[in-house]
Amino acid sequence: KNLTLLAGYQHGHDVAGRTGTPFSVFSHDIDLDGVKAG
């Protein structure tokens, strides 16, 4: 236990729009994938 290895993965999804406007009318989809090791 003097050394600990770490690895991981993340996925995210965002939807950006305008206030007062439905996402079905205006929106941008943003996907994010992340990896880490330590």
Full PDB file with SEQRES, HELIX, SHEET, SSBOND, CRYST1, ORIGX, SCALE, CONECT and MASTER records, all heavy atoms in Angstrom:
SEQRES   1 A   38  LYS ASN LEU THR LEU LEU ALA GLY TYR GLN HIS GLY HIS          
SEQRES   2 A   38  ASP VAL ALA GLY ARG THR GLY THR PRO PHE SER VAL PHE          
SEQRES   3 A   38  SER HIS ASP ILE ASP LEU ASP GLY VAL LYS ALA GLY              
SHEET    1 AA1 2 ALA A   7  ALA A  16  0                                        
SHEET    2 AA1 2 HIS A  28  ALA A  37 -1                                        
CRYST1    1.000    1.000    1.000  90.00  90.00  90.00 P 1           1          
ORIGX1      1.000000  0.000000  0.000000        0.00000                         
ORIGX2      0.000000  1.000000  0.000000        0.00000                         
ORIGX3      0.000000  0.000000  1.000000        0.00000                         
SCALE1      1.000000  0.000000  0.000000        0.00000                         
SCALE2      0.000000  1.000000  0.000000        0.00000                         
SCALE3      0.000000  0.000000  1.000000        0.00000                         
ATOM      1  N   LYS A   1       0.810  -1.232   0.000  1.00  0.00           N  
ATOM      2  CA  LYS A   1       0.000   0.000   0.000  1.00  0.00           C  
ATOM      3  C   LYS A   1       0.839   1.275   0.000  1.00  0.00           C  
ATOM      4  O   LYS A   1       0.309   2.356   0.271  1.00  0.00           O  
ATOM      5  CB  LYS A   1      -0.978   0.015   1.170  1.00  0.00           C  
ATOM      6  CG  LYS A   1      -2.024  -1.095   1.116  1.00  0.00           C  
ATOM      7  CD  LYS A   1      -3.086  -0.916   2.179  1.00  0.00           C  
ATOM      8  CE  LYS A   1      -4.167  -2.000   2.056  1.00  0.00           C  
ATOM      9  NZ  LYS A   1      -5.238  -1.832   3.057  1.00  0.00           N  
ATOM     10  N   ASN A   2       2.108   1.165  -0.333  1.00  0.00           N  
ATOM     11  CA  ASN A   2       2.940   2.353  -0.472  1.00  0.00           C  
ATOM     12  C   ASN A   2       2.833   2.970  -1.860  1.00  0.00           C  
ATOM     13  O   ASN A   2       3.302   4.091  -2.077  1.00  0.00           O  
ATOM     14  CB  ASN A   2       4.402   2.019  -0.183  1.00  0.00           C  
ATOM     15  CG  ASN A   2       4.643   1.758   1.291  1.00  0.00           C  
ATOM     16  OD1 ASN A   2       4.197   2.533   2.137  1.00  0.00           O  
ATOM     17  ND2 ASN A   2       5.317   0.657   1.608  1.00  0.00           N  
ATOM     18  N   LEU A   3       2.223   2.253  -2.780  1.00  0.00           N  
ATOM     19  CA  LEU A   3       1.991   2.746  -4.140  1.00  0.00           C  
ATOM     20  C   LEU A   3       0.569   2.391  -4.540  1.00  0.00           C  
ATOM     21  O   LEU A   3       0.149   1.235  -4.406  1.00  0.00           O  
ATOM     22  CB  LEU A   3       2.987   2.132  -5.121  1.00  0.00           C  
ATOM     23  CG  LEU A   3       2.721   2.375  -6.603  1.00  0.00           C  
ATOM     24  CD1 LEU A   3       2.823   3.861  -6.943  1.00  0.00           C  
ATOM     25  CD2 LEU A   3       3.680   1.560  -7.473  1.00  0.00           C  
ATOM     26  N   THR A   4      -0.186   3.382  -5.021  1.00  0.00           N  
ATOM     27  CA  THR A   4      -1.541   3.155  -5.508  1.00  0.00           C  
ATOM     28  C   THR A   4      -1.643   3.684  -6.929  1.00  0.00           C  
ATOM     29  O   THR A   4      -1.327   4.850  -7.188  1.00  0.00           O  
ATOM     30  CB  THR A   4      -2.586   3.859  -4.623  1.00  0.00           C  
ATOM     31  OG1 THR A   4      -2.499   3.354  -3.286  1.00  0.00           O  
ATOM     32  CG2 THR A   4      -3.992   3.613  -5.153  1.00  0.00           C  
ATOM     33  N   LEU A   5      -2.065   2.835  -7.857  1.00  0.00           N  
ATOM     34  CA  LEU A   5      -2.270   3.221  -9.246  1.00  0.00           C  
ATOM     35  C   LEU A   5      -3.741   3.516  -9.476  1.00  0.00           C  
ATOM     36  O   LEU A   5      -4.623   2.851  -8.913  1.00  0.00           O  
ATOM     37  CB  LEU A   5      -1.805   2.113 -10.193  1.00  0.00           C  
ATOM     38  CG  LEU A   5      -0.341   1.689 -10.065  1.00  0.00           C  
ATOM     39  CD1 LEU A   5      -0.024   0.582 -11.074  1.00  0.00           C  
ATOM     40  CD2 LEU A   5       0.597   2.868 -10.254  1.00  0.00           C  
ATOM     41  N   LEU A   6      -4.030   4.507 -10.314  1.00  0.00           N  
ATOM     42  CA  LEU A   6      -5.406   4.939 -10.571  1.00  0.00           C  
ATOM     43  C   LEU A   6      -5.622   5.137 -12.062  1.00  0.00           C  
ATOM     44  O   LEU A   6      -4.757   5.682 -12.760  1.00  0.00           O  
ATOM     45  CB  LEU A   6      -5.687   6.255  -9.840  1.00  0.00           C  
ATOM     46  CG  LEU A   6      -7.041   6.918 -10.089  1.00  0.00           C  
ATOM     47  CD1 LEU A   6      -8.145   6.126  -9.393  1.00  0.00           C  
ATOM     48  CD2 LEU A   6      -7.044   8.357  -9.601  1.00  0.00           C  
ATOM     49  N   ALA A   7      -6.771   4.690 -12.576  1.00  0.00           N  
ATOM     50  CA  ALA A   7      -7.137   4.919 -13.969  1.00  0.00           C  
ATOM     51  C   ALA A   7      -8.644   5.105 -14.038  1.00  0.00           C  
ATOM     52  O   ALA A   7      -9.397   4.525 -13.240  1.00  0.00           O  
ATOM     53  CB  ALA A   7      -6.712   3.751 -14.858  1.00  0.00           C  
ATOM     54  N   GLY A   8      -9.101   5.928 -14.990  1.00  0.00           N  
ATOM     55  CA  GLY A   8     -10.532   6.174 -15.070  1.00  0.00           C  
ATOM     56  C   GLY A   8     -10.972   6.725 -16.404  1.00  0.00           C  
ATOM     57  O   GLY A   8     -10.154   7.118 -17.245  1.00  0.00           O  
ATOM     58  N   TYR A   9     -12.288   6.742 -16.587  1.00  0.00           N  
ATOM     59  CA  TYR A   9     -12.912   7.246 -17.815  1.00  0.00           C  
ATOM     60  C   TYR A   9     -14.166   8.011 -17.447  1.00  0.00           C  
ATOM     61  O   TYR A   9     -14.886   7.646 -16.509  1.00  0.00           O  
ATOM     62  CB  TYR A   9     -13.267   6.096 -18.753  1.00  0.00           C  
ATOM     63  CG  TYR A   9     -14.174   6.510 -19.901  1.00  0.00           C  
ATOM     64  CD1 TYR A   9     -13.658   7.172 -21.017  1.00  0.00           C  
ATOM     65  CD2 TYR A   9     -15.553   6.264 -19.853  1.00  0.00           C  
ATOM     66  CE1 TYR A   9     -14.481   7.577 -22.055  1.00  0.00           C  
ATOM     67  CE2 TYR A   9     -16.382   6.660 -20.895  1.00  0.00           C  
ATOM     68  CZ  TYR A   9     -15.842   7.317 -21.986  1.00  0.00           C  
ATOM     69  OH  TYR A   9     -16.670   7.721 -23.018  1.00  0.00           O  
ATOM     70  N   GLN A  10     -14.431   9.101 -18.201  1.00  0.00           N  
ATOM     71  CA  GLN A  10     -15.631   9.904 -18.009  1.00  0.00           C  
ATOM     72  C   GLN A  10     -16.262  10.228 -19.354  1.00  0.00           C  
ATOM     73  O   GLN A  10     -15.555  10.407 -20.354  1.00  0.00           O  
ATOM     74  CB  GLN A  10     -15.277  11.234 -17.318  1.00  0.00           C  
ATOM     75  CG  GLN A  10     -14.917  11.104 -15.854  1.00  0.00           C  
ATOM     76  CD  GLN A  10     -16.141  11.100 -14.959  1.00  0.00           C  
ATOM     77  OE1 GLN A  10     -17.260  11.287 -15.430  1.00  0.00           O  
ATOM     78  NE2 GLN A  10     -15.935  10.898 -13.683  1.00  0.00           N  
ATOM     79  N   HIS A  11     -17.577  10.327 -19.362  1.00  0.00           N  
ATOM     80  CA  HIS A  11     -18.290  10.830 -20.549  1.00  0.00           C  
ATOM     81  C   HIS A  11     -19.311  11.853 -20.093  1.00  0.00           C  
ATOM     82  O   HIS A  11     -20.011  11.658 -19.086  1.00  0.00           O  
ATOM     83  CB  HIS A  11     -19.003   9.716 -21.309  1.00  0.00           C  
ATOM     84  CG  HIS A  11     -19.810  10.231 -22.470  1.00  0.00           C  
ATOM     85  ND1 HIS A  11     -19.229  10.646 -23.651  1.00  0.00           N  
ATOM     86  CD2 HIS A  11     -21.152  10.449 -22.620  1.00  0.00           C  
ATOM     87  CE1 HIS A  11     -20.159  11.070 -24.477  1.00  0.00           C  
ATOM     88  NE2 HIS A  11     -21.339  10.958 -23.874  1.00  0.00           N  
ATOM     89  N   GLY A  12     -19.387  12.954 -20.838  1.00  0.00           N  
ATOM     90  CA  GLY A  12     -20.357  13.991 -20.532  1.00  0.00           C  
ATOM     91  C   GLY A  12     -21.090  14.442 -21.777  1.00  0.00           C  
ATOM     92  O   GLY A  12     -20.570  14.343 -22.900  1.00  0.00           O  
ATOM     93  N   HIS A  13     -22.292  14.934 -21.582  1.00  0.00           N  
ATOM     94  CA  HIS A  13     -23.099  15.454 -22.694  1.00  0.00           C  
ATOM     95  C   HIS A  13     -23.769  16.738 -22.237  1.00  0.00           C  
ATOM     96  O   HIS A  13     -24.441  16.766 -21.200  1.00  0.00           O  
ATOM     97  CB  HIS A  13     -24.148  14.440 -23.138  1.00  0.00           C  
ATOM     98  CG  HIS A  13     -24.978  14.924 -24.299  1.00  0.00           C  
ATOM     99  ND1 HIS A  13     -24.506  14.927 -25.589  1.00  0.00           N  
ATOM    100  CD2 HIS A  13     -26.241  15.428 -24.356  1.00  0.00           C  
ATOM    101  CE1 HIS A  13     -25.433  15.410 -26.398  1.00  0.00           C  
ATOM    102  NE2 HIS A  13     -26.499  15.719 -25.674  1.00  0.00           N  
ATOM    103  N   ASP A  14     -23.587  17.814 -22.998  1.00  0.00           N  
ATOM    104  CA  ASP A  14     -24.182  19.110 -22.697  1.00  0.00           C  
ATOM    105  C   ASP A  14     -25.102  19.525 -23.834  1.00  0.00           C  
ATOM    106  O   ASP A  14     -24.866  19.179 -25.000  1.00  0.00           O  
ATOM    107  CB  ASP A  14     -23.109  20.193 -22.527  1.00  0.00           C  
ATOM    108  CG  ASP A  14     -22.165  19.902 -21.380  1.00  0.00           C  
ATOM    109  OD1 ASP A  14     -22.405  18.926 -20.644  1.00  0.00           O  
ATOM    110  OD2 ASP A  14     -21.183  20.652 -21.224  1.00  0.00           O  
ATOM    111  N   VAL A  15     -26.122  20.279 -23.484  1.00  0.00           N  
ATOM    112  CA  VAL A  15     -27.006  20.893 -24.473  1.00  0.00           C  
ATOM    113  C   VAL A  15     -27.051  22.384 -24.168  1.00  0.00           C  
ATOM    114  O   VAL A  15     -27.503  22.791 -23.091  1.00  0.00           O  
ATOM    115  CB  VAL A  15     -28.425  20.296 -24.442  1.00  0.00           C  
ATOM    116  CG1 VAL A  15     -29.297  20.957 -25.502  1.00  0.00           C  
ATOM    117  CG2 VAL A  15     -28.378  18.791 -24.665  1.00  0.00           C  
ATOM    118  N   ALA A  16     -26.562  23.201 -25.101  1.00  0.00           N  
ATOM    119  CA  ALA A  16     -26.535  24.653 -24.926  1.00  0.00           C  
ATOM    120  C   ALA A  16     -27.608  25.290 -25.792  1.00  0.00           C  
ATOM    121  O   ALA A  16     -27.746  24.950 -26.979  1.00  0.00           O  
ATOM    122  CB  ALA A  16     -25.159  25.208 -25.305  1.00  0.00           C  
ATOM    123  N   GLY A  17     -28.364  26.215 -25.219  1.00  0.00           N  
ATOM    124  CA  GLY A  17     -29.425  26.873 -25.985  1.00  0.00           C  
ATOM    125  C   GLY A  17     -29.501  28.352 -25.650  1.00  0.00           C  
ATOM    126  O   GLY A  17     -28.520  28.965 -25.227  1.00  0.00           O  
ATOM    127  N   ARG A  18     -30.672  28.921 -25.837  1.00  0.00           N  
ATOM    128  CA  ARG A  18     -30.937  30.323 -25.516  1.00  0.00           C  
ATOM    129  C   ARG A  18     -32.101  30.403 -24.544  1.00  0.00           C  
ATOM    130  O   ARG A  18     -33.088  29.678 -24.685  1.00  0.00           O  
ATOM    131  CB  ARG A  18     -31.300  31.118 -26.779  1.00  0.00           C  
ATOM    132  CG  ARG A  18     -30.141  31.430 -27.718  1.00  0.00           C  
ATOM    133  CD  ARG A  18     -30.664  32.175 -28.934  1.00  0.00           C  
ATOM    134  NE  ARG A  18     -29.605  32.610 -29.832  1.00  0.00           N  
ATOM    135  CZ  ARG A  18     -28.980  33.772 -29.771  1.00  0.00           C  
ATOM    136  NH1 ARG A  18     -29.329  34.633 -28.841  1.00  0.00           N  
ATOM    137  NH2 ARG A  18     -28.039  34.091 -30.624  1.00  0.00           N  
ATOM    138  N   THR A  19     -31.996  31.283 -23.563  1.00  0.00           N  
ATOM    139  CA  THR A  19     -33.076  31.465 -22.602  1.00  0.00           C  
ATOM    140  C   THR A  19     -34.348  31.928 -23.307  1.00  0.00           C  
ATOM    141  O   THR A  19     -34.309  32.849 -24.123  1.00  0.00           O  
ATOM    142  CB  THR A  19     -32.679  32.500 -21.539  1.00  0.00           C  
ATOM    143  OG1 THR A  19     -31.532  32.022 -20.832  1.00  0.00           O  
ATOM    144  CG2 THR A  19     -33.810  32.738 -20.566  1.00  0.00           C  
ATOM    145  N   GLY A  20     -35.469  31.259 -23.002  1.00  0.00           N  
ATOM    146  CA  GLY A  20     -36.744  31.612 -23.614  1.00  0.00           C  
ATOM    147  C   GLY A  20     -36.996  30.933 -24.943  1.00  0.00           C  
ATOM    148  O   GLY A  20     -38.077  31.088 -25.511  1.00  0.00           O  
ATOM    149  N   THR A  21     -36.020  30.176 -25.443  1.00  0.00           N  
ATOM    150  CA  THR A  21     -36.177  29.459 -26.711  1.00  0.00           C  
ATOM    151  C   THR A  21     -36.095  27.963 -26.449  1.00  0.00           C  
ATOM    152  O   THR A  21     -35.121  27.501 -25.850  1.00  0.00           O  
ATOM    153  CB  THR A  21     -35.077  29.856 -27.711  1.00  0.00           C  
ATOM    154  OG1 THR A  21     -35.124  31.263 -27.929  1.00  0.00           O  
ATOM    155  CG2 THR A  21     -35.260  29.135 -29.038  1.00  0.00           C  
ATOM    156  N   PRO A  22     -37.088  27.182 -26.865  1.00  0.00           N  
ATOM    157  CA  PRO A  22     -37.036  25.731 -26.627  1.00  0.00           C  
ATOM    158  C   PRO A  22     -35.795  25.120 -27.272  1.00  0.00           C  
ATOM    159  O   PRO A  22     -35.337  25.567 -28.327  1.00  0.00           O  
ATOM    160  CB  PRO A  22     -38.324  25.222 -27.289  1.00  0.00           C  
ATOM    161  CG  PRO A  22     -39.225  26.412 -27.350  1.00  0.00           C  
ATOM    162  CD  PRO A  22     -38.341  27.589 -27.553  1.00  0.00           C  
ATOM    163  N   PHE A  23     -35.250  24.084 -26.642  1.00  0.00           N  
ATOM    164  CA  PHE A  23     -34.102  23.395 -27.203  1.00  0.00           C  
ATOM    165  C   PHE A  23     -34.423  22.805 -28.572  1.00  0.00           C  
ATOM    166  O   PHE A  23     -33.527  22.634 -29.402  1.00  0.00           O  
ATOM    167  CB  PHE A  23     -33.634  22.286 -26.260  1.00  0.00           C  
ATOM    168  CG  PHE A  23     -32.926  22.791 -25.031  1.00  0.00           C  
ATOM    169  CD1 PHE A  23     -33.321  22.367 -23.766  1.00  0.00           C  
ATOM    170  CD2 PHE A  23     -31.873  23.680 -25.129  1.00  0.00           C  
ATOM    171  CE1 PHE A  23     -32.663  22.825 -22.635  1.00  0.00           C  
ATOM    172  CE2 PHE A  23     -31.208  24.154 -23.998  1.00  0.00           C  
ATOM    173  CZ  PHE A  23     -31.611  23.717 -22.750  1.00  0.00           C  
ATOM    174  N   SER A  24     -35.686  22.488 -28.821  1.00  0.00           N  
ATOM    175  CA  SER A  24     -36.068  21.921 -30.118  1.00  0.00           C  
ATOM    176  C   SER A  24     -35.943  22.945 -31.243  1.00  0.00           C  
ATOM    177  O   SER A  24     -35.831  22.590 -32.412  1.00  0.00           O  
ATOM    178  CB  SER A  24     -37.507  21.394 -30.059  1.00  0.00           C  
ATOM    179  OG  SER A  24     -38.414  22.438 -29.714  1.00  0.00           O  
ATOM    180  N   VAL A  25     -35.953  24.234 -30.883  1.00  0.00           N  
ATOM    181  CA  VAL A  25     -35.825  25.294 -31.881  1.00  0.00           C  
ATOM    182  C   VAL A  25     -34.368  25.685 -32.083  1.00  0.00           C  
ATOM    183  O   VAL A  25     -33.904  25.872 -33.208  1.00  0.00           O  
ATOM    184  CB  VAL A  25     -36.657  26.530 -31.471  1.00  0.00           C  
ATOM    185  CG1 VAL A  25     -36.455  27.683 -32.456  1.00  0.00           C  
ATOM    186  CG2 VAL A  25     -38.127  26.156 -31.366  1.00  0.00           C  
ATOM    187  N   PHE A  26     -33.633  25.816 -30.957  1.00  0.00           N  
ATOM    188  CA  PHE A  26     -32.213  26.165 -31.048  1.00  0.00           C  
ATOM    189  C   PHE A  26     -31.444  25.460 -29.950  1.00  0.00           C  
ATOM    190  O   PHE A  26     -31.790  25.584 -28.769  1.00  0.00           O  
ATOM    191  CB  PHE A  26     -32.005  27.674 -30.918  1.00  0.00           C  
ATOM    192  CG  PHE A  26     -30.554  28.072 -30.874  1.00  0.00           C  
ATOM    193  CD1 PHE A  26     -29.843  28.282 -32.041  1.00  0.00           C  
ATOM    194  CD2 PHE A  26     -29.891  28.218 -29.658  1.00  0.00           C  
ATOM    195  CE1 PHE A  26     -28.501  28.632 -32.004  1.00  0.00           C  
ATOM    196  CE2 PHE A  26     -28.557  28.568 -29.614  1.00  0.00           C  
ATOM    197  CZ  PHE A  26     -27.852  28.772 -30.791  1.00  0.00           C  
ATOM    198  N   SER A  27     -30.416  24.716 -30.315  1.00  0.00           N  
ATOM    199  CA  SER A  27     -29.553  24.085 -29.324  1.00  0.00           C  
ATOM    200  C   SER A  27     -28.285  23.581 -29.997  1.00  0.00           C  
ATOM    201  O   SER A  27     -28.262  23.322 -31.205  1.00  0.00           O  
ATOM    202  CB  SER A  27     -30.263  22.918 -28.624  1.00  0.00           C  
ATOM    203  OG  SER A  27     -30.543  21.874 -29.534  1.00  0.00           O  
ATOM    204  N   HIS A  28     -27.216  23.472 -29.203  1.00  0.00           N  
ATOM    205  CA  HIS A  28     -25.962  22.877 -29.625  1.00  0.00           C  
ATOM    206  C   HIS A  28     -25.664  21.693 -28.716  1.00  0.00           C  
ATOM    207  O   HIS A  28     -25.675  21.837 -27.488  1.00  0.00           O  
ATOM    208  CB  HIS A  28     -24.806  23.879 -29.545  1.00  0.00           C  
ATOM    209  CG  HIS A  28     -24.897  24.989 -30.532  1.00  0.00           C  
ATOM    210  ND1 HIS A  28     -24.255  26.204 -30.365  1.00  0.00           N  
ATOM    211  CD2 HIS A  28     -25.551  25.081 -31.720  1.00  0.00           C  
ATOM    212  CE1 HIS A  28     -24.506  26.993 -31.392  1.00  0.00           C  
ATOM    213  NE2 HIS A  28     -25.301  26.334 -32.221  1.00  0.00           N  
ATOM    214  N   ASP A  29     -25.389  20.538 -29.295  1.00  0.00           N  
ATOM    215  CA  ASP A  29     -24.994  19.369 -28.514  1.00  0.00           C  
ATOM    216  C   ASP A  29     -23.473  19.338 -28.389  1.00  0.00           C  
ATOM    217  O   ASP A  29     -22.755  19.538 -29.377  1.00  0.00           O  
ATOM    218  CB  ASP A  29     -25.482  18.083 -29.164  1.00  0.00           C  
ATOM    219  CG  ASP A  29     -26.986  17.921 -29.069  1.00  0.00           C  
ATOM    220  OD1 ASP A  29     -27.574  18.498 -28.137  1.00  0.00           O  
ATOM    221  OD2 ASP A  29     -27.578  17.234 -29.921  1.00  0.00           O  
ATOM    222  N   ILE A  30     -23.001  19.070 -27.186  1.00  0.00           N  
ATOM    223  CA  ILE A  30     -21.564  19.024 -26.911  1.00  0.00           C  
ATOM    224  C   ILE A  30     -21.264  17.717 -26.178  1.00  0.00           C  
ATOM    225  O   ILE A  30     -21.869  17.428 -25.140  1.00  0.00           O  
ATOM    226  CB  ILE A  30     -21.119  20.214 -26.041  1.00  0.00           C  
ATOM    227  CG1 ILE A  30     -21.542  21.542 -26.689  1.00  0.00           C  
ATOM    228  CG2 ILE A  30     -19.612  20.182 -25.809  1.00  0.00           C  
ATOM    229  CD1 ILE A  30     -21.464  22.733 -25.752  1.00  0.00           C  
ATOM    230  N   ASP A  31     -20.367  16.929 -26.723  1.00  0.00           N  
ATOM    231  CA  ASP A  31     -19.961  15.670 -26.096  1.00  0.00           C  
ATOM    232  C   ASP A  31     -18.529  15.785 -25.600  1.00  0.00           C  
ATOM    233  O   ASP A  31     -17.665  16.375 -26.267  1.00  0.00           O  
ATOM    234  CB  ASP A  31     -20.076  14.511 -27.081  1.00  0.00           C  
ATOM    235  CG  ASP A  31     -21.520  14.137 -27.358  1.00  0.00           C  
ATOM    236  OD1 ASP A  31     -22.213  13.729 -26.412  1.00  0.00           O  
ATOM    237  OD2 ASP A  31     -21.956  14.273 -28.516  1.00  0.00           O  
ATOM    238  N   LEU A  32     -18.293  15.215 -24.418  1.00  0.00           N  
ATOM    239  CA  LEU A  32     -16.986  15.276 -23.797  1.00  0.00           C  
ATOM    240  C   LEU A  32     -16.584  13.885 -23.318  1.00  0.00           C  
ATOM    241  O   LEU A  32     -17.373  13.196 -22.663  1.00  0.00           O  
ATOM    242  CB  LEU A  32     -16.990  16.231 -22.598  1.00  0.00           C  
ATOM    243  CG  LEU A  32     -17.544  17.643 -22.815  1.00  0.00           C  
ATOM    244  CD1 LEU A  32     -19.033  17.707 -22.440  1.00  0.00           C  
ATOM    245  CD2 LEU A  32     -16.770  18.656 -21.975  1.00  0.00           C  
ATOM    246  N   ASP A  33     -15.395  13.461 -23.679  1.00  0.00           N  
ATOM    247  CA  ASP A  33     -14.853  12.194 -23.212  1.00  0.00           C  
ATOM    248  C   ASP A  33     -13.515  12.467 -22.539  1.00  0.00           C  
ATOM    249  O   ASP A  33     -12.672  13.192 -23.083  1.00  0.00           O  
ATOM    250  CB  ASP A  33     -14.658  11.218 -24.375  1.00  0.00           C  
ATOM    251  CG  ASP A  33     -15.979  10.735 -24.934  1.00  0.00           C  
ATOM    252  OD1 ASP A  33     -16.585   9.840 -24.324  1.00  0.00           O  
ATOM    253  OD2 ASP A  33     -16.408  11.266 -25.980  1.00  0.00           O  
ATOM    254  N   GLY A  34     -13.321  11.889 -21.359  1.00  0.00           N  
ATOM    255  CA  GLY A  34     -12.099  12.133 -20.612  1.00  0.00           C  
ATOM    256  C   GLY A  34     -11.496  10.847 -20.085  1.00  0.00           C  
ATOM    257  O   GLY A  34     -12.208   9.895 -19.733  1.00  0.00           O  
ATOM    258  N   VAL A  35     -10.182  10.795 -20.058  1.00  0.00           N  
ATOM    259  CA  VAL A  35      -9.449   9.669 -19.479  1.00  0.00           C  
ATOM    260  C   VAL A  35      -8.418  10.227 -18.509  1.00  0.00           C  
ATOM    261  O   VAL A  35      -7.976  11.373 -18.631  1.00  0.00           O  
ATOM    262  CB  VAL A  35      -8.762   8.813 -20.555  1.00  0.00           C  
ATOM    263  CG1 VAL A  35      -9.785   8.119 -21.426  1.00  0.00           C  
ATOM    264  CG2 VAL A  35      -7.829   9.664 -21.417  1.00  0.00           C  
ATOM    265  N   LYS A  36      -8.033   9.402 -17.547  1.00  0.00           N  
ATOM    266  CA  LYS A  36      -7.026   9.821 -16.576  1.00  0.00           C  
ATOM    267  C   LYS A  36      -6.244   8.609 -16.114  1.00  0.00           C  
ATOM    268  O   LYS A  36      -6.715   7.468 -16.150  1.00  0.00           O  
ATOM    269  CB  LYS A  36      -7.674  10.516 -15.385  1.00  0.00           C  
ATOM    270  CG  LYS A  36      -8.598   9.600 -14.583  1.00  0.00           C  
ATOM    271  CD  LYS A  36      -9.184  10.314 -13.389  1.00  0.00           C  
ATOM    272  CE  LYS A  36     -10.169   9.400 -12.648  1.00  0.00           C  
ATOM    273  NZ  LYS A  36     -10.758  10.052 -11.468  1.00  0.00           N  
ATOM    274  N   ALA A  37      -5.026   8.867 -15.665  1.00  0.00           N  
ATOM    275  CA  ALA A  37      -4.173   7.837 -15.095  1.00  0.00           C  
ATOM    276  C   ALA A  37      -3.245   8.511 -14.108  1.00  0.00           C  
ATOM    277  O   ALA A  37      -2.755   9.622 -14.353  1.00  0.00           O  
ATOM    278  CB  ALA A  37      -3.370   7.117 -16.171  1.00  0.00           C  
ATOM    279  N   GLY A  38      -3.020   7.863 -12.991  1.00  0.00           N  
ATOM    280  CA  GLY A  38      -2.181   8.502 -11.985  1.00  0.00           C  
ATOM    281  C   GLY A  38      -1.631   7.501 -10.996  1.00  0.00           C  
ATOM    282  O   GLY A  38      -1.921   6.297 -11.044  1.00  0.00           O  
TER     283      GLY A  38                                                      
MASTER        0    0    0    0    2    0    0    6  282    1    0    3          
END                                                                             
